N, C-alpha and C. Protein backbone atom coordinates (compact mmCIF):
# COMPACT_ATOMS: atom_id res chain seq x y z
N MET A 1 96.03 75.56 100.49
CA MET A 1 97.05 75.97 101.50
C MET A 1 96.49 76.07 102.82
N PRO A 2 97.09 75.50 103.90
CA PRO A 2 96.49 75.63 105.24
C PRO A 2 96.36 77.04 105.72
N ARG A 3 95.39 77.39 106.50
CA ARG A 3 95.15 78.51 107.19
C ARG A 3 94.89 78.23 108.63
N MET A 4 95.46 79.07 109.42
CA MET A 4 95.15 78.97 110.87
C MET A 4 93.87 79.70 111.11
N PRO A 5 92.95 79.19 111.97
CA PRO A 5 91.77 79.88 112.35
C PRO A 5 92.01 81.17 113.03
N THR A 6 91.17 82.16 112.65
CA THR A 6 91.29 83.42 113.36
C THR A 6 90.00 83.65 114.28
N THR A 7 90.12 84.01 115.48
CA THR A 7 89.12 84.03 116.44
C THR A 7 88.71 85.39 116.84
N SER A 8 89.74 86.30 116.82
CA SER A 8 89.39 87.69 117.19
C SER A 8 90.22 88.65 116.44
N LEU A 9 89.83 89.84 116.41
CA LEU A 9 90.61 90.91 115.73
C LEU A 9 91.92 91.19 116.34
N PRO A 10 92.96 91.52 115.55
CA PRO A 10 94.20 91.82 116.37
C PRO A 10 94.24 93.21 117.01
N THR A 11 95.13 93.32 117.89
CA THR A 11 95.42 94.70 118.45
C THR A 11 96.61 95.22 117.79
N PHE A 12 96.75 96.56 117.79
CA PHE A 12 97.83 97.19 117.19
C PHE A 12 98.68 98.03 118.20
N ARG A 13 99.94 98.06 117.84
CA ARG A 13 100.80 98.97 118.74
C ARG A 13 101.98 99.37 117.86
N PRO A 14 102.77 100.35 118.28
CA PRO A 14 103.94 100.78 117.62
C PRO A 14 105.12 99.82 117.97
N ALA A 15 105.89 99.49 117.04
CA ALA A 15 107.06 98.61 117.49
C ALA A 15 108.02 99.31 118.35
N LEU A 16 108.77 98.50 119.20
CA LEU A 16 109.84 98.84 120.02
C LEU A 16 111.12 98.25 119.53
N ALA A 17 112.19 98.81 119.99
CA ALA A 17 113.49 98.17 119.66
C ALA A 17 113.55 96.69 119.91
N ALA A 18 112.98 96.23 120.96
CA ALA A 18 113.02 94.82 121.26
C ALA A 18 112.21 93.95 120.26
N ASP A 19 111.46 94.59 119.45
CA ASP A 19 110.53 93.81 118.48
C ASP A 19 111.40 93.58 117.14
N VAL A 20 112.47 94.32 116.92
CA VAL A 20 113.09 94.29 115.75
C VAL A 20 113.45 92.87 115.14
N PRO A 21 113.97 91.98 115.92
CA PRO A 21 114.30 90.66 115.40
C PRO A 21 113.05 89.98 114.96
N ALA A 22 112.03 89.98 115.59
CA ALA A 22 110.81 89.30 115.27
C ALA A 22 110.14 90.00 114.04
N ILE A 23 110.23 91.32 113.78
CA ILE A 23 109.76 92.01 112.67
C ILE A 23 110.67 91.40 111.49
N VAL A 24 111.88 91.37 111.55
CA VAL A 24 112.76 91.03 110.43
C VAL A 24 112.37 89.42 110.04
N ALA A 25 112.26 88.61 111.10
CA ALA A 25 111.82 87.23 110.75
C ALA A 25 110.54 87.11 110.10
N LEU A 26 109.44 87.92 110.57
CA LEU A 26 108.15 88.00 109.88
C LEU A 26 108.28 88.36 108.39
N VAL A 27 108.93 89.57 108.31
CA VAL A 27 109.10 89.98 106.82
C VAL A 27 109.80 88.98 105.92
N GLU A 28 110.84 88.38 106.41
CA GLU A 28 111.57 87.40 105.59
C GLU A 28 110.71 86.19 105.26
N SER A 29 109.91 85.77 106.28
CA SER A 29 108.92 84.66 106.10
C SER A 29 107.89 84.87 105.06
N ALA A 30 107.47 86.12 105.09
CA ALA A 30 106.28 86.44 104.12
C ALA A 30 106.82 86.66 102.60
N TYR A 31 108.04 87.13 102.49
CA TYR A 31 108.56 87.53 101.10
C TYR A 31 109.45 86.54 100.46
N ARG A 32 110.19 85.81 101.17
CA ARG A 32 111.33 85.17 100.47
C ARG A 32 111.26 83.63 100.88
N GLY A 33 111.89 82.92 100.04
CA GLY A 33 112.11 81.44 100.37
C GLY A 33 110.79 80.62 100.30
N ASP A 34 110.94 79.47 100.82
CA ASP A 34 109.86 78.54 100.78
C ASP A 34 108.70 78.94 101.68
N SER A 35 109.03 79.58 102.84
CA SER A 35 107.94 79.95 103.69
C SER A 35 107.04 80.98 103.15
N GLY A 36 107.56 81.86 102.32
CA GLY A 36 106.75 82.87 101.71
C GLY A 36 105.80 82.31 100.69
N ARG A 37 106.11 81.27 100.07
CA ARG A 37 105.20 80.44 99.21
C ARG A 37 103.99 79.91 99.83
N LEU A 38 103.87 79.85 101.26
CA LEU A 38 102.78 79.39 101.95
C LEU A 38 101.64 80.32 101.77
N GLY A 39 101.99 81.67 101.64
CA GLY A 39 100.96 82.62 101.54
C GLY A 39 100.91 83.08 100.00
N TRP A 40 100.19 84.17 99.71
CA TRP A 40 100.05 84.63 98.35
C TRP A 40 100.90 85.90 98.11
N THR A 41 101.54 86.48 99.01
CA THR A 41 102.16 87.68 98.82
C THR A 41 103.72 87.60 98.53
N THR A 42 104.24 86.35 98.45
CA THR A 42 105.64 86.13 98.24
C THR A 42 106.19 86.93 96.98
N GLU A 43 107.45 87.25 97.12
CA GLU A 43 108.28 87.67 96.01
C GLU A 43 109.33 86.69 95.62
N SER A 44 109.14 85.41 96.01
CA SER A 44 110.20 84.44 95.84
C SER A 44 110.43 84.11 94.39
N ASP A 45 109.51 84.33 93.42
CA ASP A 45 109.75 84.10 92.15
C ASP A 45 110.37 85.26 91.35
N LEU A 46 110.43 86.48 92.15
CA LEU A 46 110.96 87.61 91.52
C LEU A 46 112.33 87.96 92.09
N LEU A 47 112.56 87.72 93.38
CA LEU A 47 113.69 88.05 94.05
C LEU A 47 114.30 87.05 95.03
N ASP A 48 115.57 86.92 95.10
CA ASP A 48 116.26 86.21 96.05
C ASP A 48 116.87 87.13 97.06
N GLY A 49 117.68 86.57 97.96
CA GLY A 49 118.27 87.38 99.01
C GLY A 49 117.37 87.84 100.04
N ARG A 50 117.87 88.90 100.85
CA ARG A 50 117.05 89.35 102.06
C ARG A 50 116.07 90.40 101.58
N ARG A 51 114.95 90.62 102.44
CA ARG A 51 113.97 91.62 102.12
C ARG A 51 114.28 92.82 103.08
N THR A 52 114.87 92.48 104.18
CA THR A 52 115.24 93.57 105.22
C THR A 52 116.28 92.94 106.12
N ASN A 53 116.64 93.68 107.07
CA ASN A 53 117.68 93.28 108.10
C ASN A 53 117.47 94.01 109.37
N VAL A 54 118.10 93.66 110.46
CA VAL A 54 117.99 94.21 111.77
C VAL A 54 118.38 95.76 111.73
N ASP A 55 119.35 96.13 111.03
CA ASP A 55 119.88 97.43 111.11
C ASP A 55 118.87 98.29 110.35
N GLY A 56 118.35 97.78 109.19
CA GLY A 56 117.30 98.64 108.46
C GLY A 56 116.01 98.93 109.19
N VAL A 57 115.57 97.79 109.85
CA VAL A 57 114.26 97.97 110.73
C VAL A 57 114.57 98.93 111.91
N ALA A 58 115.72 98.74 112.61
CA ALA A 58 115.99 99.60 113.67
C ALA A 58 116.16 101.14 113.28
N GLU A 59 116.63 101.37 112.14
CA GLU A 59 116.81 102.64 111.54
C GLU A 59 115.41 103.27 111.39
N LEU A 60 114.46 102.55 110.82
CA LEU A 60 113.04 102.94 110.68
C LEU A 60 112.40 103.41 112.05
N LEU A 61 112.75 102.73 113.10
CA LEU A 61 112.23 103.11 114.37
C LEU A 61 112.75 104.42 114.87
N GLN A 62 113.95 104.79 114.52
CA GLN A 62 114.61 106.08 114.86
C GLN A 62 114.20 107.29 114.13
N GLN A 63 113.69 107.09 112.94
CA GLN A 63 113.41 108.17 112.03
C GLN A 63 112.32 109.04 112.60
N ALA A 64 112.37 110.31 112.41
CA ALA A 64 111.19 111.24 112.70
C ALA A 64 109.92 110.93 111.76
N ASP A 65 108.86 111.14 112.19
CA ASP A 65 107.62 110.88 111.39
C ASP A 65 107.57 109.59 110.72
N SER A 66 107.91 108.54 111.47
CA SER A 66 108.00 107.20 110.97
C SER A 66 107.59 106.34 112.17
N ILE A 67 106.88 105.21 111.74
CA ILE A 67 106.33 104.27 112.70
C ILE A 67 106.28 102.92 112.04
N VAL A 68 106.60 101.85 112.84
CA VAL A 68 106.41 100.58 112.39
C VAL A 68 105.27 100.02 113.37
N LEU A 69 104.15 99.67 112.69
CA LEU A 69 102.95 99.29 113.34
C LEU A 69 102.92 97.73 113.43
N LEU A 70 102.55 97.14 114.46
CA LEU A 70 102.46 95.67 114.73
C LEU A 70 101.01 95.36 114.90
N ALA A 71 100.57 94.18 114.31
CA ALA A 71 99.36 93.57 114.71
C ALA A 71 99.60 92.35 115.38
N GLU A 72 98.95 92.29 116.58
CA GLU A 72 99.14 91.10 117.44
C GLU A 72 97.94 90.42 118.02
N ARG A 73 97.95 89.27 118.34
CA ARG A 73 96.84 88.53 119.01
C ARG A 73 97.42 87.73 120.13
N ASP A 74 97.04 87.89 121.40
CA ASP A 74 97.60 87.17 122.44
C ASP A 74 98.94 87.24 122.55
N GLY A 75 99.69 88.33 122.24
CA GLY A 75 101.16 88.47 122.29
C GLY A 75 101.95 87.96 121.14
N GLU A 76 101.11 87.38 120.13
CA GLU A 76 101.81 86.83 118.96
C GLU A 76 101.84 87.82 117.80
N LEU A 77 102.98 88.04 117.19
CA LEU A 77 103.15 88.96 116.11
C LEU A 77 102.57 88.34 114.88
N LEU A 78 101.44 88.96 114.33
CA LEU A 78 100.81 88.52 113.21
C LEU A 78 101.06 89.31 111.90
N ALA A 79 101.41 90.56 111.95
CA ALA A 79 101.72 91.41 110.73
C ALA A 79 102.43 92.65 111.14
N CYS A 80 103.02 93.28 110.27
CA CYS A 80 103.62 94.49 110.54
C CYS A 80 103.65 95.50 109.13
N CYS A 81 103.89 96.67 109.33
CA CYS A 81 104.00 97.65 108.30
C CYS A 81 104.84 98.87 108.76
N HIS A 82 105.32 99.54 107.79
CA HIS A 82 106.02 100.78 108.16
C HIS A 82 105.19 101.88 107.50
N VAL A 83 104.96 102.97 108.18
CA VAL A 83 104.34 104.16 107.72
C VAL A 83 105.29 105.35 108.05
N GLU A 84 105.46 106.16 107.03
CA GLU A 84 106.26 107.39 107.21
C GLU A 84 105.52 108.63 106.52
N ARG A 85 105.59 109.83 107.28
CA ARG A 85 104.97 111.06 106.72
C ARG A 85 105.93 111.47 105.68
N GLN A 86 105.47 111.76 104.59
CA GLN A 86 106.32 112.44 103.43
C GLN A 86 105.46 113.58 102.89
N GLY A 87 105.61 114.75 103.62
CA GLY A 87 104.83 115.87 103.18
C GLY A 87 103.40 115.66 103.58
N GLU A 88 102.42 115.94 102.67
CA GLU A 88 101.03 115.79 103.00
C GLU A 88 100.55 114.37 102.71
N ALA A 89 101.39 113.40 102.43
CA ALA A 89 100.93 112.02 102.11
C ALA A 89 101.83 111.10 103.17
N GLY A 90 101.28 110.00 103.49
CA GLY A 90 101.83 108.89 104.23
C GLY A 90 102.49 108.00 103.23
N TYR A 91 103.53 107.32 103.49
CA TYR A 91 104.12 106.31 102.66
C TYR A 91 104.01 105.03 103.42
N PHE A 92 103.42 103.97 102.79
CA PHE A 92 103.19 102.72 103.41
C PHE A 92 104.14 101.62 102.76
N GLY A 93 104.81 100.91 103.54
CA GLY A 93 105.67 99.84 103.10
C GLY A 93 105.97 98.85 104.15
N MET A 94 106.94 97.88 103.81
CA MET A 94 107.27 96.79 104.66
C MET A 94 106.27 96.13 105.25
N PHE A 95 105.09 95.94 104.58
CA PHE A 95 103.95 95.25 104.77
C PHE A 95 104.06 93.74 104.80
N ALA A 96 103.92 93.05 105.98
CA ALA A 96 103.99 91.52 106.02
C ALA A 96 103.04 90.99 106.90
N VAL A 97 102.38 89.97 106.43
CA VAL A 97 101.45 89.17 107.20
C VAL A 97 102.05 87.65 107.24
N ASN A 98 101.89 87.12 108.41
CA ASN A 98 102.34 85.67 108.66
C ASN A 98 101.69 84.93 107.50
N PRO A 99 102.62 84.12 106.67
CA PRO A 99 101.99 83.42 105.47
C PRO A 99 100.87 82.52 105.88
N LEU A 100 100.74 81.90 107.12
CA LEU A 100 99.77 81.07 107.38
C LEU A 100 98.50 81.70 107.71
N LEU A 101 98.54 82.99 108.00
CA LEU A 101 97.34 83.82 108.33
C LEU A 101 96.91 84.75 107.18
N GLN A 102 97.47 84.65 106.13
CA GLN A 102 97.10 85.55 105.00
C GLN A 102 95.73 85.15 104.43
N ASN A 103 94.93 86.01 104.03
CA ASN A 103 93.51 85.84 103.56
C ASN A 103 92.65 85.76 104.69
N GLY A 104 92.99 86.20 105.90
CA GLY A 104 92.12 86.15 107.09
C GLY A 104 91.64 87.48 107.60
N GLY A 105 91.94 88.51 106.89
CA GLY A 105 91.56 89.87 107.17
C GLY A 105 92.54 90.73 108.04
N ILE A 106 93.65 90.05 108.52
CA ILE A 106 94.56 90.75 109.34
C ILE A 106 95.22 91.90 108.49
N GLY A 107 95.68 91.63 107.33
CA GLY A 107 96.34 92.64 106.45
C GLY A 107 95.45 93.79 106.15
N LYS A 108 94.16 93.49 105.91
CA LYS A 108 93.17 94.53 105.60
C LYS A 108 93.02 95.36 106.86
N ALA A 109 92.94 94.84 108.08
CA ALA A 109 92.79 95.60 109.31
C ALA A 109 94.04 96.43 109.56
N LEU A 110 95.21 95.86 109.31
CA LEU A 110 96.45 96.63 109.57
C LEU A 110 96.60 97.79 108.56
N LEU A 111 96.31 97.60 107.26
CA LEU A 111 96.37 98.71 106.41
C LEU A 111 95.32 99.81 106.68
N ALA A 112 93.99 99.41 107.23
CA ALA A 112 93.25 100.46 107.74
C ALA A 112 93.75 101.21 108.88
N GLU A 113 94.46 100.56 109.74
CA GLU A 113 95.07 101.22 111.02
C GLU A 113 96.22 102.09 110.46
N ALA A 114 97.03 101.67 109.54
CA ALA A 114 98.03 102.48 108.99
C ALA A 114 97.50 103.86 108.42
N GLU A 115 96.42 103.72 107.66
CA GLU A 115 95.68 104.82 107.11
C GLU A 115 95.23 105.75 108.12
N ARG A 116 94.57 105.24 109.22
CA ARG A 116 94.06 106.01 110.28
C ARG A 116 95.19 106.78 110.94
N HIS A 117 96.36 106.13 111.13
CA HIS A 117 97.49 106.64 111.88
C HIS A 117 97.92 107.83 111.00
N ALA A 118 98.05 107.74 109.72
CA ALA A 118 98.68 108.74 108.87
C ALA A 118 97.60 110.00 108.84
N ARG A 119 96.28 109.60 108.74
CA ARG A 119 95.35 110.71 108.66
C ARG A 119 95.22 111.52 110.01
N GLU A 120 95.11 110.71 111.21
CA GLU A 120 94.71 111.33 112.45
C GLU A 120 96.01 111.94 113.15
N HIS A 121 97.21 111.27 113.01
CA HIS A 121 98.39 111.70 113.71
C HIS A 121 99.25 112.77 112.92
N TRP A 122 99.12 112.71 111.54
CA TRP A 122 99.94 113.60 110.71
C TRP A 122 99.10 114.28 109.70
N GLN A 123 97.75 114.23 109.78
CA GLN A 123 96.80 114.98 109.00
C GLN A 123 97.17 114.74 107.55
N CYS A 124 97.67 113.59 107.18
CA CYS A 124 97.95 113.32 105.67
C CYS A 124 96.63 113.18 105.05
N LEU A 125 96.75 113.67 103.74
CA LEU A 125 95.57 113.65 102.87
C LEU A 125 95.54 112.40 101.93
N ALA A 126 96.76 111.77 101.81
CA ALA A 126 96.67 110.53 100.95
C ALA A 126 97.67 109.54 101.58
N MET A 127 97.60 108.26 101.08
CA MET A 127 98.62 107.29 101.39
C MET A 127 99.21 106.86 100.12
N ARG A 128 100.46 106.78 99.98
CA ARG A 128 101.22 106.34 98.71
C ARG A 128 102.03 105.11 99.07
N MET A 129 102.35 104.42 98.03
CA MET A 129 103.08 103.08 98.27
C MET A 129 103.61 102.85 96.86
N THR A 130 104.74 101.92 96.72
CA THR A 130 105.18 101.44 95.59
C THR A 130 105.03 99.93 95.66
N VAL A 131 104.82 99.32 94.53
CA VAL A 131 104.59 97.90 94.46
C VAL A 131 105.32 97.41 93.11
N ILE A 132 106.00 96.43 93.25
CA ILE A 132 106.64 95.84 92.01
C ILE A 132 105.52 95.56 90.93
N GLU A 133 105.84 96.16 89.84
CA GLU A 133 104.68 96.22 88.73
C GLU A 133 104.25 94.72 88.43
N GLN A 134 105.16 93.82 88.52
CA GLN A 134 104.65 92.36 88.17
C GLN A 134 103.93 91.69 89.15
N ARG A 135 103.68 92.41 90.23
CA ARG A 135 102.77 91.82 91.30
C ARG A 135 101.28 92.08 91.12
N ALA A 136 100.82 91.66 90.05
CA ALA A 136 99.42 92.10 89.59
C ALA A 136 98.32 91.69 90.56
N GLU A 137 98.42 90.52 91.16
CA GLU A 137 97.49 90.07 92.26
C GLU A 137 97.52 90.95 93.39
N LEU A 138 98.61 91.41 93.91
CA LEU A 138 98.84 92.37 95.03
C LEU A 138 98.26 93.70 94.66
N ILE A 139 98.64 94.22 93.45
CA ILE A 139 98.08 95.44 93.09
C ILE A 139 96.66 95.46 93.06
N ALA A 140 96.05 94.25 92.50
CA ALA A 140 94.47 94.24 92.54
C ALA A 140 93.96 94.31 93.98
N TRP A 141 94.61 93.57 94.89
CA TRP A 141 94.29 93.70 96.29
C TRP A 141 94.14 95.05 96.88
N TYR A 142 95.18 95.82 96.49
CA TYR A 142 95.24 97.28 96.93
C TYR A 142 94.19 98.19 96.31
N GLU A 143 93.91 97.80 94.93
CA GLU A 143 92.88 98.48 94.21
C GLU A 143 91.45 98.25 94.85
N ARG A 144 91.25 97.05 95.43
CA ARG A 144 89.98 96.70 96.07
C ARG A 144 89.83 97.52 97.27
N ARG A 145 90.98 98.10 97.85
CA ARG A 145 90.97 98.83 99.00
C ARG A 145 91.04 100.23 98.78
N GLY A 146 90.83 100.68 97.48
CA GLY A 146 90.72 102.09 97.21
C GLY A 146 91.97 102.75 96.62
N TYR A 147 93.01 101.91 96.51
CA TYR A 147 94.22 102.52 95.85
C TYR A 147 94.13 102.59 94.44
N GLN A 148 94.76 103.53 93.78
CA GLN A 148 94.74 103.71 92.30
C GLN A 148 96.15 103.66 91.80
N ARG A 149 96.20 103.03 90.60
CA ARG A 149 97.49 103.00 89.90
C ARG A 149 97.74 104.49 89.35
N THR A 150 98.97 104.86 89.49
CA THR A 150 99.20 106.32 88.98
C THR A 150 99.82 106.33 87.54
N GLY A 151 100.37 105.25 87.16
CA GLY A 151 101.15 105.18 85.93
C GLY A 151 102.52 105.83 86.13
N GLU A 152 102.94 106.21 87.25
CA GLU A 152 104.17 106.62 87.60
C GLU A 152 105.08 105.49 88.06
N PHE A 153 106.20 105.34 87.60
CA PHE A 153 107.11 104.24 87.91
C PHE A 153 108.48 104.75 88.42
N ARG A 154 109.08 103.85 89.18
CA ARG A 154 110.36 104.08 89.83
C ARG A 154 111.27 102.86 89.31
N PRO A 155 112.45 103.04 88.95
CA PRO A 155 113.25 101.83 88.59
C PRO A 155 113.57 101.02 89.87
N PHE A 156 113.80 99.63 89.56
CA PHE A 156 114.16 98.79 90.68
C PHE A 156 115.64 98.94 90.78
N PRO A 157 116.17 99.07 92.17
CA PRO A 157 117.59 99.39 92.42
C PRO A 157 118.44 98.18 92.17
N TYR A 158 118.67 97.75 90.91
CA TYR A 158 119.39 96.69 90.57
C TYR A 158 120.90 96.92 91.10
N GLY A 159 121.50 95.90 91.63
CA GLY A 159 122.92 96.15 92.26
C GLY A 159 122.91 96.47 93.68
N ASP A 160 121.82 96.85 94.28
CA ASP A 160 121.64 97.12 95.65
C ASP A 160 121.04 95.98 96.32
N GLU A 161 121.73 95.04 96.91
CA GLU A 161 121.08 93.84 97.45
C GLU A 161 120.34 94.00 98.77
N ARG A 162 120.29 95.34 99.22
CA ARG A 162 119.30 95.60 100.36
C ARG A 162 118.02 95.44 99.98
N PHE A 163 117.61 95.35 98.61
CA PHE A 163 116.26 95.35 98.09
C PHE A 163 116.14 93.98 97.63
N GLY A 164 116.99 93.07 97.64
CA GLY A 164 116.89 91.75 97.16
C GLY A 164 117.79 91.51 95.95
N ILE A 165 117.88 90.31 95.50
CA ILE A 165 118.63 89.88 94.24
C ILE A 165 117.66 89.52 93.20
N PRO A 166 117.50 90.35 92.20
CA PRO A 166 116.48 90.14 91.16
C PRO A 166 116.78 88.79 90.38
N ARG A 167 115.71 88.16 90.17
CA ARG A 167 115.60 86.89 89.27
C ARG A 167 115.29 87.14 87.92
N ARG A 168 115.03 88.49 87.49
CA ARG A 168 114.62 88.93 86.16
C ARG A 168 115.00 90.35 85.94
N ASP A 169 115.21 90.77 84.77
CA ASP A 169 115.75 92.12 84.47
C ASP A 169 114.71 93.18 84.10
N ASP A 170 113.36 92.94 84.35
CA ASP A 170 112.40 93.84 83.94
C ASP A 170 111.53 94.35 85.19
N LEU A 171 112.20 94.37 86.34
CA LEU A 171 111.45 94.76 87.49
C LEU A 171 111.42 96.36 87.51
N ARG A 172 110.24 96.83 88.04
CA ARG A 172 110.23 98.21 88.39
C ARG A 172 108.99 98.49 89.31
N PHE A 173 109.03 99.59 90.07
CA PHE A 173 107.96 99.84 91.04
C PHE A 173 106.97 100.85 90.37
N GLU A 174 105.72 100.59 90.70
CA GLU A 174 104.61 101.49 90.34
C GLU A 174 104.10 102.18 91.68
N TRP A 175 103.77 103.48 91.48
CA TRP A 175 103.20 104.15 92.57
C TRP A 175 101.79 103.94 92.66
N LEU A 176 101.21 103.69 93.78
CA LEU A 176 99.86 103.61 93.97
C LEU A 176 99.43 104.70 95.07
N VAL A 177 98.32 105.15 94.90
CA VAL A 177 97.84 106.22 95.83
C VAL A 177 96.39 106.18 96.17
N LYS A 178 96.15 106.56 97.39
CA LYS A 178 94.72 106.54 97.95
C LYS A 178 94.36 107.84 98.65
N THR A 179 93.28 108.52 98.31
CA THR A 179 92.92 109.69 99.05
C THR A 179 92.33 109.24 100.39
N LEU A 180 92.87 109.74 101.48
CA LEU A 180 92.32 109.57 102.84
C LEU A 180 91.12 110.45 103.08
N ALA A 181 90.16 110.10 103.84
CA ALA A 181 89.04 110.77 104.07
C ALA A 181 89.34 112.15 104.53
N GLY A 182 88.54 113.07 103.93
CA GLY A 182 88.73 114.51 104.26
C GLY A 182 89.99 115.23 103.54
N GLY A 183 90.64 114.58 102.54
CA GLY A 183 91.73 115.21 101.78
C GLY A 183 91.56 114.86 100.38
N ALA A 184 92.57 115.43 99.63
CA ALA A 184 92.75 115.23 98.22
C ALA A 184 94.18 114.70 97.93
N ALA A 185 94.24 113.77 97.02
CA ALA A 185 95.69 113.25 96.68
C ALA A 185 96.18 114.22 95.72
């Protein structure tokens, strides 16, 4: 699959309200439909429907102890993620990298920036996330970055189309956790 060359590291910044439509377009392109199949992180074989929407992303920007981080290069949006403080842990989600740029180190750099933000701004001791259990390749990617499977599961919200329209009936989320430097999970 084609990859666009990367020439420099991205810069990071918090998202603003004006960024919401571009964030939604990026997330949809990475997770749903044919565009998602250009990268390796697609959920297209598991879910149909939308991954997010303008109202949902705008709401994340308004929440206390919540940030949507953007990775950009020369003004182009490359990747995004949502980080939220939940007690002594950060919660990492809505992670999307332009499908044509996946496997180029942008996601790894953004994940590290999200961890740094949680640790330095909120003094979080750990980062937690949920990943659809059937996403073995993605879980392995997180494990290579220090995340551990917890064996804790959360049911998939069947019937709530805000999370997508399931293409199978055995989906569930697994919690992953990583201790951040200087703390204990």
